[in-house]
Amino acid sequence: MSRTLRLFQLMQALRQGPGPKTAAGLGEELGVSGRSIHRDIATLREMGAIIDGEAGYGFTLIEDNALPPMGFQDTELEALVLGLREVQQIGDPDLADAAGEALRKLQGRLPPRQSHRLRHAVLAAHRFKRPEPPSIQVADLREATWDEMEVSFGYTDAKGATTTRQVKPLGLVYFDLSTVLIAWCLLRQDVRIFRLDRMSELQVTKQSFRPHRVAMLRDALVKIRAQREDKPYGAYPHETAEPREPND
């Protein structure tokens, strides 16, 4: 491995995951000695990377000179931190991990003062009760929604009745107690709301409904809002209430 490639891979390793990272651990990851890592860290610092730490303690990438600085107002930065920390609390495992990684990448691209502000932010998000964990691979559902592909799954409603559904997934909504899918249900031929923790055996079909998702979601939200106004405690879930499927 050339030293240039190793320096690049070392920067990648420092960007990923929480710090500090020891020279021994980095060396094992890159297949070199800890002494080589110390020399490479010194080279990266000479090139402009701001890397905190020392031998025996570990290293943390503070500012990444390979990425352009990002311009945020302090309040904008606090809003981003709060939003990402909220995702860590309510998102499915893949999404929560992605939010943590996004925070680390953001810190590496900010100027030193704002990077420090992000690291020691005064805002935090905490949920004493987490949403019910999903029983499907939510990443597959998100991808199918973006790709506008129909999905099928088993579903158990609030009364315990189980059906098999094939739907056009339109969007996901994260509530306090659960996450729901807004979809066009082919069985009911209508808009339906499905709780992810009641879904099972998710399958992505080969049936595309592109390019209709955006328009269908807009129409679905209009219909859901209208039902909510007519039946404020029925058709559409309140932010602090358990979501319920409409007229199912």
Protein backbone atom coordinates (compact mmCIF):
# COMPACT_ATOMS: atom_id res chain seq x y z
CA MET A 1 0.00 0.00 0.00
CA SER A 2 1.40 3.41 -0.97
CA ARG A 3 1.81 6.01 1.79
CA THR A 4 -0.57 8.38 -0.03
CA LEU A 5 -3.29 5.74 -0.02
CA ARG A 6 -2.57 4.97 3.64
CA LEU A 7 -2.90 8.65 4.58
CA PHE A 8 -6.22 8.78 2.78
CA GLN A 9 -7.46 5.65 4.53
CA LEU A 10 -6.25 6.98 7.87
CA MET A 11 -8.31 10.15 7.38
CA GLN A 12 -11.32 7.98 6.53
CA ALA A 13 -10.78 5.91 9.68
CA LEU A 14 -10.54 9.06 11.81
CA ARG A 15 -13.74 10.44 10.29
CA GLN A 16 -15.75 7.33 11.07
CA GLY A 17 -17.05 6.38 14.48
CA PRO A 18 -16.49 8.05 17.85
CA GLY A 19 -13.02 9.04 19.04
CA PRO A 20 -10.47 8.94 20.42
CA LYS A 21 -8.88 6.15 18.38
CA THR A 22 -5.61 4.61 19.50
CA ALA A 23 -2.61 4.19 17.23
CA ALA A 24 -2.70 0.46 17.88
CA GLY A 25 -6.34 0.20 16.83
CA LEU A 26 -5.80 2.35 13.74
CA GLY A 27 -2.70 0.33 12.85
CA GLU A 28 -4.63 -2.93 13.11
CA GLU A 29 -7.38 -1.50 10.91
CA LEU A 30 -4.91 -0.36 8.24
CA GLY A 31 -2.45 -3.22 8.55
CA VAL A 32 0.55 -1.18 9.73
CA SER A 33 2.41 -0.63 12.99
CA GLY A 34 1.42 1.87 15.63
CA ARG A 35 4.71 3.69 14.98
CA SER A 36 3.69 4.20 11.34
CA ILE A 37 0.36 5.63 12.50
CA HIS A 38 2.17 8.15 14.72
CA ARG A 39 4.29 9.25 11.74
CA ASP A 40 1.21 9.50 9.52
CA ILE A 41 -0.66 11.55 12.13
CA ALA A 42 2.27 13.98 12.21
CA THR A 43 2.17 14.22 8.39
CA LEU A 44 -1.57 14.89 8.36
CA ARG A 45 -1.12 17.63 10.94
CA GLU A 46 1.58 19.22 8.77
CA MET A 47 -0.89 19.11 5.86
CA GLY A 48 -3.45 21.09 7.88
CA ALA A 49 -5.67 18.49 9.53
CA ILE A 50 -6.46 19.36 13.14
CA ILE A 51 -6.13 16.11 15.09
CA ASP A 52 -6.43 16.13 18.86
CA GLY A 53 -4.68 13.57 21.05
CA GLU A 54 -1.32 12.00 21.72
CA ALA A 55 0.42 8.68 22.23
CA GLY A 56 -1.21 6.63 24.98
CA TYR A 57 -4.47 8.56 24.78
CA GLY A 58 -5.76 8.26 21.23
CA PHE A 59 -6.57 10.59 18.37
CA THR A 60 -9.71 12.50 17.36
CA LEU A 61 -10.21 14.41 14.12
CA ILE A 62 -11.26 17.93 15.12
CA GLU A 63 -11.22 19.71 11.76
CA ASP A 64 -10.93 18.03 8.36
CA ASN A 65 -8.89 20.12 5.93
CA ALA A 66 -9.85 17.84 3.04
CA LEU A 67 -13.46 19.01 3.24
CA PRO A 68 -14.59 22.60 2.69
CA PRO A 69 -15.88 24.46 5.76
CA MET A 70 -19.63 24.77 6.06
CA GLY A 71 -21.33 28.04 6.83
CA PHE A 72 -23.96 27.90 9.57
CA GLN A 73 -25.30 30.45 11.98
CA ASP A 74 -24.93 29.30 15.59
CA THR A 75 -28.69 28.86 15.96
CA GLU A 76 -28.81 26.87 12.69
CA LEU A 77 -26.10 24.61 14.03
CA GLU A 78 -27.98 24.09 17.29
CA ALA A 79 -31.12 23.21 15.33
CA LEU A 80 -29.17 20.62 13.32
CA VAL A 81 -27.68 19.10 16.47
CA LEU A 82 -31.05 18.92 18.18
CA GLY A 83 -32.68 17.37 15.10
CA LEU A 84 -30.00 14.71 14.68
CA ARG A 85 -30.08 13.85 18.38
CA GLU A 86 -33.85 13.49 18.15
CA VAL A 87 -33.37 11.05 15.26
CA GLN A 88 -30.98 9.07 17.45
CA GLN A 89 -33.82 8.77 19.98
CA ILE A 90 -36.77 7.91 17.74
CA GLY A 91 -35.27 6.49 14.54
CA ASP A 92 -34.95 2.83 13.68
CA PRO A 93 -31.45 1.40 14.37
CA ASP A 94 -30.06 2.15 10.88
CA LEU A 95 -31.39 5.70 10.93
CA ALA A 96 -30.17 6.33 14.49
CA ASP A 97 -26.68 5.16 13.57
CA ALA A 98 -26.74 7.37 10.46
CA ALA A 99 -27.67 10.39 12.59
CA GLY A 100 -24.69 9.77 14.86
CA GLU A 101 -22.36 9.42 11.88
CA ALA A 102 -23.79 12.63 10.36
CA LEU A 103 -23.00 14.48 13.60
CA ARG A 104 -19.41 13.27 13.48
CA LYS A 105 -19.00 14.25 9.81
CA LEU A 106 -20.55 17.64 10.48
CA GLN A 107 -18.09 18.25 13.28
CA GLY A 108 -15.19 17.45 10.94
CA ARG A 109 -16.33 20.03 8.39
CA LEU A 110 -16.98 22.95 10.71
CA PRO A 111 -14.54 25.71 11.65
CA PRO A 112 -12.83 25.10 15.03
CA ARG A 113 -15.07 27.40 17.09
CA GLN A 114 -18.29 25.86 15.77
CA SER A 115 -16.86 22.35 15.94
CA HIS A 116 -16.26 22.97 19.64
CA ARG A 117 -19.79 24.35 19.95
CA LEU A 118 -21.21 21.21 18.34
CA ARG A 119 -19.16 18.89 20.55
CA HIS A 120 -20.36 20.65 23.71
CA ALA A 121 -23.86 21.65 22.55
CA VAL A 122 -26.23 22.88 25.26
CA LEU A 123 -29.24 21.26 23.55
CA ALA A 124 -30.15 17.59 23.78
CA ALA A 125 -33.10 15.33 23.05
CA HIS A 126 -34.22 12.51 25.30
CA ARG A 127 -37.24 10.22 25.24
CA PHE A 128 -38.13 8.42 28.45
CA LYS A 129 -40.17 5.98 26.35
CA ARG A 130 -38.79 5.00 22.98
CA PRO A 131 -41.09 4.14 20.05
CA GLU A 132 -41.96 0.49 19.66
CA PRO A 133 -39.15 -1.21 17.74
CA PRO A 134 -40.01 -2.09 14.12
CA SER A 135 -40.41 -5.74 13.23
CA ILE A 136 -39.20 -5.27 9.64
CA GLN A 137 -36.08 -3.95 7.92
CA VAL A 138 -37.03 -0.26 7.79
CA ALA A 139 -34.08 0.52 5.50
CA ASP A 140 -35.66 -1.73 2.84
CA LEU A 141 -38.99 0.06 3.26
CA ARG A 142 -37.36 3.49 2.97
CA GLU A 143 -35.53 2.44 -0.18
CA ALA A 144 -38.70 1.00 -1.72
CA THR A 145 -40.51 4.26 -0.94
CA TRP A 146 -37.78 6.31 -2.62
CA ASP A 147 -37.70 3.92 -5.59
CA GLU A 148 -41.51 3.93 -5.79
CA MET A 149 -41.82 0.17 -5.66
CA GLU A 150 -44.84 -1.62 -4.21
CA VAL A 151 -44.24 -3.70 -1.09
CA SER A 152 -46.12 -6.58 0.52
CA PHE A 153 -46.19 -7.59 4.18
CA GLY A 154 -48.20 -9.30 6.85
CA TYR A 155 -50.14 -6.95 9.09
CA THR A 156 -51.81 -7.38 12.47
CA ASP A 157 -54.28 -4.64 13.32
CA ALA A 158 -55.25 -3.27 16.74
CA LYS A 159 -57.89 -6.01 17.15
CA GLY A 160 -55.43 -8.80 16.43
CA ALA A 161 -56.72 -9.62 12.95
CA THR A 162 -53.96 -10.55 10.49
CA THR A 163 -54.03 -9.83 6.77
CA THR A 164 -51.57 -9.76 3.89
CA ARG A 165 -51.21 -6.36 2.27
CA GLN A 166 -49.66 -5.03 -0.90
CA VAL A 167 -49.29 -1.27 -0.88
CA LYS A 168 -47.74 1.70 -2.61
CA PRO A 169 -45.55 3.20 0.15
CA LEU A 170 -45.79 6.98 0.21
CA GLY A 171 -44.03 8.18 3.36
CA LEU A 172 -43.02 7.43 6.95
CA VAL A 173 -44.05 9.45 9.99
CA TYR A 174 -42.24 9.14 13.34
CA PHE A 175 -44.57 9.62 16.31
CA ASP A 176 -43.87 9.52 20.02
CA LEU A 177 -44.92 5.92 20.53
CA SER A 178 -44.57 4.35 17.10
CA THR A 179 -43.59 4.90 13.48
CA VAL A 180 -46.20 4.61 10.75
CA LEU A 181 -46.27 4.12 7.02
CA ILE A 182 -48.67 6.18 4.93
CA ALA A 183 -49.57 4.09 1.90
CA TRP A 184 -52.12 3.38 -0.79
CA CYS A 185 -53.48 -0.06 0.07
CA LEU A 186 -54.39 -2.22 -2.91
CA LEU A 187 -56.60 -4.43 -0.72
CA ARG A 188 -58.73 -1.53 0.55
CA GLN A 189 -58.25 0.70 -2.51
CA ASP A 190 -57.72 3.65 -0.21
CA VAL A 191 -55.14 5.47 1.88
CA ARG A 192 -54.11 3.54 4.99
CA ILE A 193 -51.77 4.08 7.95
CA PHE A 194 -49.74 1.06 9.07
CA ARG A 195 -47.68 0.81 12.25
CA LEU A 196 -44.24 -0.57 11.50
CA ASP A 197 -44.16 -2.64 14.70
CA ARG A 198 -47.26 -4.51 13.48
CA MET A 199 -45.79 -5.34 10.07
CA SER A 200 -43.95 -8.58 9.29
CA GLU A 201 -42.26 -10.38 6.37
CA LEU A 202 -41.71 -7.26 4.29
CA GLN A 203 -41.11 -8.00 0.61
CA VAL A 204 -40.25 -5.47 -2.09
CA THR A 205 -42.07 -6.36 -5.30
CA LYS A 206 -41.04 -5.62 -8.88
CA GLN A 207 -44.14 -3.47 -9.41
CA SER A 208 -43.24 0.20 -9.86
CA PHE A 209 -45.64 3.11 -9.41
CA ARG A 210 -43.17 5.78 -10.49
CA PRO A 211 -43.59 8.75 -10.95
CA HIS A 212 -46.75 9.09 -8.85
CA ARG A 213 -45.50 8.96 -5.24
CA VAL A 214 -45.20 12.71 -4.62
CA ALA A 215 -48.67 13.47 -5.97
CA MET A 216 -50.19 10.49 -4.16
CA LEU A 217 -48.59 11.51 -0.87
CA ARG A 218 -49.87 15.06 -1.27
CA ASP A 219 -53.41 13.78 -1.88
CA ALA A 220 -53.12 11.29 0.99
CA LEU A 221 -52.10 14.01 3.45
CA VAL A 222 -55.02 16.18 2.34
CA LYS A 223 -57.41 13.27 2.92
CA ILE A 224 -55.90 12.40 6.31
CA ARG A 225 -56.11 16.01 7.48
CA ALA A 226 -59.77 16.17 6.39
CA GLN A 227 -60.52 12.95 8.31
CA ARG A 228 -58.75 14.34 11.33
CA GLU A 229 -60.93 17.43 11.31
CA ASP A 230 -64.06 15.27 11.05
CA LYS A 231 -62.92 12.74 13.68
CA PRO A 232 -60.18 14.37 15.76
CA TYR A 233 -59.65 11.28 17.93
CA GLY A 234 -60.05 8.65 15.26
CA ALA A 235 -58.76 8.78 11.75
CA TYR A 236 -55.45 10.55 12.21
CA PRO A 237 -53.11 9.97 15.14
CA HIS A 238 -52.30 12.81 17.48
CA GLU A 239 -48.67 13.46 18.32
CA THR A 240 -49.10 12.07 21.83
CA ALA A 241 -51.58 9.32 21.06
CA GLU A 242 -51.17 5.82 19.67
CA PRO A 243 -51.63 5.89 15.88
CA ARG A 244 -54.70 4.08 14.68
CA GLU A 245 -55.48 2.73 11.24
CA PRO A 246 -58.52 4.48 9.69
CA ASN A 247 -61.68 2.48 9.02
CA ASP A 248 -59.75 -0.76 8.65
